């Protein structure tokens, strides 16, 4: 079962292709426009939920397809040894948990909010996987931890990178606080202020969920030194090869997040290209970035000044160590192997 979020789908593709390469037979219940060599596709919805025609009530539209997916999984469960649930929200499938005879493992990709934890606790028999130790800790639940992977065979370093800019990659959220102000969970506002403080070039990449976010928090600061890469759109449309080039040539990836991110794929992708990371110490950051070795993990209380100091010292980071850490901890081979262990344990 697959969902609509880009990072989650990337991880699913890596897992599926890795399992198939290992001799497993895989069936995907998802979108009709899905295409993965040697995997059977059961089309539940014509295309990604984000690209369905406008609906008067998108919530009903989306949950109707998700309900249909659960029903189809129940009908077909005898065809499978294991069902791996990546649904969004993850716990929706648990409403039918007692009707499944085939073992089901669920990866919780979402942030461990109080509401998510409350829902997960209603199903103590569910086999759960967290994507970071921090997510497991916050949940208070019995969970196996399997880190997400990045394609370390694709995100590779190059000879003689320019390293003449800082890079920020992250969505520009439509979420607002009680006063109507944008929350900026990925922290592009911090990235802009750090670049201005340092007088450094900054390239900004990301999907813009609300055009007003871009018009008020990003556009007024654009200049010959601070640039927005790609078109301003709700879907990031930059080609994967261009994204790789941006990682390869960056001097540093700045990740000044304002939320407890369960796993930051962009950090692992940057490290795989030998690009160190400067990030606030929130969520999974300390598990992905080794402070002083593959980048700098900055206490949020130190703010933009702390990030600026870290970036001034980024030349002290051994870039080969960044690549080595990414391959060791976040390769597709490692993730596939870890999930195979989860499957075998569940089958026993």
Protein backbone atom coordinates (compact mmCIF):
# COMPACT_ATOMS: atom_id res chain seq x y z
CA UNK A 1 0.00 0.00 0.00
CA UNK A 2 1.52 3.32 -1.00
CA UNK A 3 0.74 6.97 -0.27
CA UNK A 4 1.14 10.27 -2.09
CA UNK A 5 4.08 11.98 -0.41
CA UNK A 6 7.22 12.32 -2.50
CA UNK A 7 9.81 11.22 0.09
CA UNK A 8 7.72 8.22 1.15
CA UNK A 9 7.32 7.14 -2.45
CA UNK A 10 11.06 7.43 -3.06
CA UNK A 11 11.72 5.09 -0.15
CA UNK A 12 9.09 2.62 -1.40
CA UNK A 13 10.70 2.57 -4.87
CA UNK A 14 14.12 1.85 -3.34
CA UNK A 15 12.66 -0.91 -1.17
CA UNK A 16 10.68 -2.55 -3.98
CA UNK A 17 13.52 -2.50 -6.51
CA UNK A 18 15.93 -3.82 -3.88
CA UNK A 19 13.61 -6.65 -2.87
CA UNK A 20 13.01 -7.62 -6.51
CA UNK A 21 16.77 -7.65 -7.13
CA UNK A 22 17.01 -10.03 -4.17
CA UNK A 23 14.59 -12.49 -5.77
CA UNK A 24 11.34 -11.48 -4.05
CA UNK A 25 8.02 -11.19 -5.89
CA UNK A 26 6.35 -7.85 -5.19
CA UNK A 27 2.80 -6.61 -5.74
CA UNK A 28 2.03 -2.90 -5.32
CA UNK A 29 -1.42 -1.58 -4.55
CA UNK A 30 -1.33 2.03 -5.61
CA UNK A 31 -1.86 4.26 -8.62
CA UNK A 32 -2.67 3.23 -12.16
CA UNK A 33 0.21 5.31 -13.51
CA UNK A 34 2.78 3.54 -11.31
CA UNK A 35 5.57 1.84 -13.21
CA UNK A 36 8.16 -0.40 -11.60
CA UNK A 37 9.87 -3.13 -13.65
CA UNK A 38 9.01 -6.68 -12.58
CA UNK A 39 6.46 -5.57 -9.98
CA UNK A 40 2.76 -6.34 -10.33
CA UNK A 41 0.65 -3.18 -10.05
CA UNK A 42 -2.91 -3.32 -8.72
CA UNK A 43 -4.35 0.10 -9.65
CA UNK A 44 -6.63 1.36 -6.89
CA UNK A 45 -6.63 5.02 -7.92
CA UNK A 46 -5.94 6.33 -11.47
CA UNK A 47 -3.16 8.67 -10.38
CA UNK A 48 -1.64 10.19 -7.26
CA UNK A 49 -4.22 11.67 -4.91
CA UNK A 50 -2.53 15.05 -5.39
CA UNK A 51 -3.31 14.95 -9.11
CA UNK A 52 -6.92 13.80 -9.03
CA UNK A 53 -9.49 16.17 -10.57
CA UNK A 54 -10.75 18.87 -8.18
CA UNK A 55 -13.38 17.64 -5.75
CA UNK A 56 -15.94 19.45 -3.64
CA UNK A 57 -14.75 17.35 -0.70
CA UNK A 58 -11.16 16.04 -1.17
CA UNK A 59 -11.28 14.28 2.22
CA UNK A 60 -14.13 12.04 1.03
CA UNK A 61 -12.44 11.54 -2.31
CA UNK A 62 -9.15 10.44 -0.75
CA UNK A 63 -10.60 8.24 2.00
CA UNK A 64 -12.86 6.48 -0.52
CA UNK A 65 -9.81 5.32 -2.46
CA UNK A 66 -7.95 4.38 0.72
CA UNK A 67 -10.93 2.35 1.94
CA UNK A 68 -11.06 0.59 -1.42
CA UNK A 69 -7.35 -0.21 -1.11
CA UNK A 70 -7.85 -1.82 2.30
CA UNK A 71 -10.78 -3.83 0.99
CA UNK A 72 -8.76 -5.04 -2.01
CA UNK A 73 -5.87 -6.03 0.27
CA UNK A 74 -8.27 -8.13 2.35
CA UNK A 75 -9.61 -9.87 -0.76
CA UNK A 76 -6.13 -10.59 -2.11
CA UNK A 77 -4.29 -11.28 1.15
CA UNK A 78 -3.99 -15.01 0.43
CA UNK A 79 -1.70 -14.15 -2.49
CA UNK A 80 0.97 -12.68 -0.20
CA UNK A 81 3.38 -13.88 2.48
CA UNK A 82 3.70 -10.37 3.97
CA UNK A 83 1.76 -7.14 3.58
CA UNK A 84 3.89 -4.03 4.04
CA UNK A 85 1.71 -1.02 4.81
CA UNK A 86 2.96 2.45 3.84
CA UNK A 87 -0.50 4.02 3.80
CA UNK A 88 -1.06 7.67 4.69
CA UNK A 89 -2.33 7.80 7.40
CA UNK A 90 -0.64 4.61 8.48
CA UNK A 91 -3.18 3.58 11.10
CA UNK A 92 -6.20 3.64 8.79
CA UNK A 93 -5.55 0.04 7.72
CA UNK A 94 -5.58 -1.05 11.37
CA UNK A 95 -9.37 -0.74 11.43
CA UNK A 96 -9.33 -4.04 9.51
CA UNK A 97 -6.34 -5.50 11.37
CA UNK A 98 -8.30 -8.35 12.96
CA UNK A 99 -9.52 -9.42 9.51
CA UNK A 100 -6.02 -9.92 8.15
CA UNK A 101 -4.61 -13.43 8.44
CA UNK A 102 -1.54 -12.48 6.42
CA UNK A 103 1.10 -10.78 8.61
CA UNK A 104 1.25 -7.00 8.17
CA UNK A 105 4.14 -4.70 8.96
CA UNK A 106 3.57 -0.95 9.01
CA UNK A 107 6.23 1.71 8.55
CA UNK A 108 5.26 4.91 10.33
CA UNK A 109 6.70 7.62 8.08
CA UNK A 110 4.78 10.46 9.72
CA UNK A 111 5.80 12.71 12.59
CA UNK A 112 4.94 11.23 15.97
CA UNK A 113 2.37 13.79 16.99
CA UNK A 114 0.21 13.26 20.07
CA UNK A 115 -2.73 12.36 17.82
CA UNK A 116 -0.71 9.82 15.82
CA UNK A 117 0.57 8.16 19.00
CA UNK A 118 -2.94 8.09 20.43
CA UNK A 119 -4.23 6.27 17.33
CA UNK A 120 -1.31 3.81 17.18
CA UNK A 121 -1.78 2.86 20.84
CA UNK A 122 -5.28 1.64 20.01
CA UNK A 123 -3.69 -1.28 18.11
CA UNK A 124 -1.07 -2.92 20.37
CA UNK A 125 -0.87 -6.01 18.14
CA UNK A 126 0.28 -4.02 15.10
CA UNK A 127 3.86 -4.65 13.94
CA UNK A 128 5.35 -1.17 13.68
CA UNK A 129 8.58 0.16 12.18
CA UNK A 130 9.91 3.62 13.02
CA UNK A 131 12.23 5.47 10.64
CA UNK A 132 14.43 6.92 13.41
CA UNK A 133 15.32 6.20 17.01
CA UNK A 134 13.87 9.60 17.91
CA UNK A 135 10.47 8.67 16.46
CA UNK A 136 10.52 5.43 18.44
CA UNK A 137 11.49 7.28 21.62
CA UNK A 138 8.76 9.89 21.25
CA UNK A 139 6.11 7.26 20.52
CA UNK A 140 6.79 5.23 23.66
CA UNK A 141 5.80 2.17 21.63
CA UNK A 142 7.54 -1.11 20.91
CA UNK A 143 8.92 -0.52 17.42
CA UNK A 144 11.77 -1.73 15.24
CA UNK A 145 13.86 1.06 13.71
CA UNK A 146 14.78 0.93 10.03
CA UNK A 147 16.36 4.03 8.54
CA UNK A 148 15.13 5.25 5.17
CA UNK A 149 17.54 4.87 2.28
CA UNK A 150 18.83 7.05 -0.51
CA UNK A 151 20.22 5.80 -3.80
CA UNK A 152 23.93 6.02 -3.03
CA UNK A 153 24.66 4.70 -6.55
CA UNK A 154 22.89 7.73 -8.01
CA UNK A 155 23.79 10.43 -5.46
CA UNK A 156 27.54 10.28 -6.00
CA UNK A 157 30.27 12.91 -5.65
CA UNK A 158 31.99 14.55 -8.59
CA UNK A 159 35.50 15.80 -9.22
CA UNK A 160 36.08 19.54 -8.77
CA UNK A 161 32.65 20.68 -7.49
CA UNK A 162 32.13 24.45 -7.42
CA UNK A 163 31.11 24.62 -3.72
CA UNK A 164 30.26 28.28 -4.22
CA UNK A 165 26.79 28.27 -2.66
CA UNK A 166 24.75 27.10 0.29
CA UNK A 167 21.80 24.87 -0.58
CA UNK A 168 18.37 24.74 1.05
CA UNK A 169 15.90 22.02 0.04
CA UNK A 170 12.44 21.79 1.57
CA UNK A 171 8.74 22.37 1.11
CA UNK A 172 7.23 25.74 1.87
CA UNK A 173 4.29 24.72 4.02
CA UNK A 174 0.80 26.19 3.95
CA UNK A 175 0.40 25.51 7.69
CA UNK A 176 -0.21 28.58 9.87
CA UNK A 177 -0.25 29.32 13.59
CA UNK A 178 -3.20 30.67 15.59
CA UNK A 179 -2.31 34.20 14.46
CA UNK A 180 -2.39 33.29 10.80
CA UNK A 181 1.39 33.37 10.35
CA UNK A 182 3.13 30.69 8.29
CA UNK A 183 4.88 28.09 10.45
CA UNK A 184 7.82 27.47 8.07
CA UNK A 185 8.64 23.96 9.42
CA UNK A 186 11.57 23.49 7.03
CA UNK A 187 13.09 26.82 8.00
CA UNK A 188 13.72 28.57 4.69
CA UNK A 189 13.40 31.87 6.56
CA UNK A 190 16.36 30.92 8.75
CA UNK A 191 18.37 29.85 5.68
CA UNK A 192 17.82 33.23 4.03
CA UNK A 193 18.88 35.15 7.14
CA UNK A 194 22.00 33.01 7.58
CA UNK A 195 22.98 33.62 3.95
CA UNK A 196 22.47 37.35 4.41
CA UNK A 197 24.50 37.32 7.62
CA UNK A 198 27.38 35.50 5.91
CA UNK A 199 27.11 37.27 2.55
CA UNK A 200 27.06 33.83 0.89
CA UNK A 201 25.21 32.59 -2.16
CA UNK A 202 22.09 30.55 -1.38
CA UNK A 203 20.07 28.35 -3.73
CA UNK A 204 16.54 27.51 -2.58
CA UNK A 205 14.69 24.44 -3.87
CA UNK A 206 11.24 23.28 -2.85
CA UNK A 207 7.56 22.98 -3.55
CA UNK A 208 5.38 25.92 -2.54
CA UNK A 209 2.12 24.75 -0.99
CA UNK A 210 0.75 28.31 -0.72
CA UNK A 211 1.82 31.03 -3.17
CA UNK A 212 1.46 33.64 -0.42
CA UNK A 213 4.28 31.92 1.49
CA UNK A 214 6.62 32.51 -1.44
CA UNK A 215 5.43 36.06 -2.06
CA UNK A 216 5.87 37.17 1.56
CA UNK A 217 8.73 35.07 3.00
CA UNK A 218 10.93 34.26 0.00
CA UNK A 219 10.51 36.57 -3.00
CA UNK A 220 11.33 39.86 -1.21
CA UNK A 221 14.79 38.46 -0.34
CA UNK A 222 15.75 37.13 -3.77
CA UNK A 223 18.79 38.75 -5.36
CA UNK A 224 21.85 37.94 -7.40
CA UNK A 225 23.10 35.98 -4.36
CA UNK A 226 19.86 34.38 -3.11
CA UNK A 227 18.00 32.53 -5.87
CA UNK A 228 15.00 30.24 -6.14
CA UNK A 229 15.67 27.24 -8.39
CA UNK A 230 12.85 25.93 -10.59
CA UNK A 231 9.30 27.14 -10.93
CA UNK A 232 7.10 28.25 -8.07
CA UNK A 233 4.66 25.33 -7.89
CA UNK A 234 2.89 23.08 -5.43
CA UNK A 235 4.89 20.19 -6.90
CA UNK A 236 8.66 20.33 -7.18
CA UNK A 237 9.35 19.64 -10.86
CA UNK A 238 13.14 19.71 -10.92
CA UNK A 239 14.59 16.67 -12.65
CA UNK A 240 16.40 14.18 -10.45
CA UNK A 241 19.68 14.73 -12.31
CA UNK A 242 19.50 18.48 -11.71
CA UNK A 243 18.78 17.87 -8.04
CA UNK A 244 21.83 15.64 -7.84
CA UNK A 245 23.97 18.33 -9.44
CA UNK A 246 22.75 20.86 -6.87
CA UNK A 247 23.82 18.53 -4.04
CA UNK A 248 27.15 17.73 -5.69
CA UNK A 249 28.24 21.35 -6.14
CA UNK A 250 26.95 22.81 -2.87
CA UNK A 251 29.42 23.88 -0.23
CA UNK A 252 26.95 22.94 2.49
CA UNK A 253 23.33 21.87 2.87
CA UNK A 254 21.60 24.10 5.43
CA UNK A 255 18.71 22.41 7.19
CA UNK A 256 17.36 24.81 9.86
CA UNK A 257 14.17 22.88 10.62
CA UNK A 258 11.52 24.17 13.01
CA UNK A 259 9.81 20.79 13.54
CA UNK A 260 10.59 17.32 14.86
CA UNK A 261 11.28 15.74 11.49
CA UNK A 262 11.17 11.92 11.68
CA UNK A 263 13.78 11.50 8.93
CA UNK A 264 15.40 14.01 6.57
CA UNK A 265 16.16 12.37 3.21
CA UNK A 266 17.76 15.53 1.80
CA UNK A 267 20.47 15.36 4.47
CA UNK A 268 21.34 11.76 3.52
CA UNK A 269 21.31 12.66 -0.19
CA UNK A 270 23.68 15.57 0.41
CA UNK A 271 26.06 13.43 2.49
CA UNK A 272 26.07 10.79 -0.25
CA UNK A 273 27.39 13.51 -2.61
CA UNK A 274 30.11 14.46 -0.07
CA UNK A 275 28.27 17.62 0.93
CA UNK A 276 28.25 18.28 4.69
CA UNK A 277 25.16 19.47 6.54
CA UNK A 278 24.52 22.27 9.03
CA UNK A 279 21.22 21.71 10.83
CA UNK A 280 19.28 22.49 13.95
CA UNK A 281 19.22 19.70 16.54
CA UNK A 282 15.63 18.61 16.08
CA UNK A 283 14.01 15.26 15.32
CA UNK A 284 16.29 12.77 13.57
CA UNK A 285 19.06 15.27 12.75
CA UNK A 286 21.62 13.92 15.27
CA UNK A 287 21.11 10.41 13.86
CA UNK A 288 21.83 11.51 10.30
CA UNK A 289 24.51 14.15 10.86
CA UNK A 290 27.46 13.32 13.11
CA UNK A 291 28.41 16.60 14.73
CA UNK A 292 31.95 17.65 13.82
CA UNK A 293 32.41 14.71 11.43
CA UNK A 294 29.79 14.93 8.67
CA UNK A 295 28.54 18.42 9.49
CA UNK A 296 27.38 20.43 12.46
CA UNK A 297 24.34 19.90 14.67
CA UNK A 298 23.39 23.25 16.19
CA UNK A 299 21.27 23.76 19.29
CA UNK A 300 18.13 25.66 18.23
CA UNK A 301 18.66 28.20 21.02
CA UNK A 302 21.83 29.35 19.24
CA UNK A 303 19.66 30.32 16.29
CA UNK A 304 20.94 31.78 13.05
CA UNK A 305 24.17 32.95 14.69
CA UNK A 306 24.94 29.34 15.65
CA UNK A 307 24.26 28.12 12.14
CA UNK A 308 26.40 30.89 10.65
CA UNK A 309 29.30 29.91 12.91
CA UNK A 310 28.91 26.26 11.91
CA UNK A 311 28.99 27.14 8.22
CA UNK A 312 32.09 29.31 8.69
CA UNK A 313 33.79 26.14 10.00
CA UNK A 314 32.42 23.77 7.35
CA UNK A 315 35.86 23.54 5.75
CA UNK A 316 36.98 21.48 8.74
CA UNK A 317 34.68 18.63 7.71
CA UNK A 318 36.23 15.68 5.85
CA UNK A 319 33.94 15.30 2.85
CA UNK A 320 35.02 11.71 2.28
CA UNK A 321 33.65 10.89 5.72
CA UNK A 322 30.27 12.28 4.61
CA UNK A 323 30.10 9.84 1.73
CA UNK A 324 31.31 6.91 3.84
CA UNK A 325 28.66 7.55 6.49
CA UNK A 326 25.88 7.80 3.91
CA UNK A 327 26.82 4.50 2.28
CA UNK A 328 27.17 2.73 5.63
CA UNK A 329 23.92 3.95 7.19
CA UNK A 330 21.55 4.97 4.40
CA UNK A 331 22.21 2.79 1.35
CA UNK A 332 19.38 0.92 -0.34
CA UNK A 333 21.17 -2.38 0.31
CA UNK A 334 21.23 -1.68 4.05
CA UNK A 335 17.54 -0.73 4.20
CA UNK A 336 16.43 -3.76 2.18
CA UNK A 337 18.46 -6.08 4.41
CA UNK A 338 16.95 -4.55 7.55
CA UNK A 339 13.40 -4.98 6.24
CA UNK A 340 14.09 -8.58 5.23
CA UNK A 341 15.01 -9.22 8.87
CA UNK A 342 11.72 -7.64 9.97
CA UNK A 343 9.78 -9.82 7.52
CA UNK A 344 11.50 -13.03 8.64
CA UNK A 345 10.95 -12.25 12.31
CA UNK A 346 7.26 -11.59 11.68
CA UNK A 347 6.84 -14.81 9.67
CA UNK A 348 8.43 -16.83 12.47
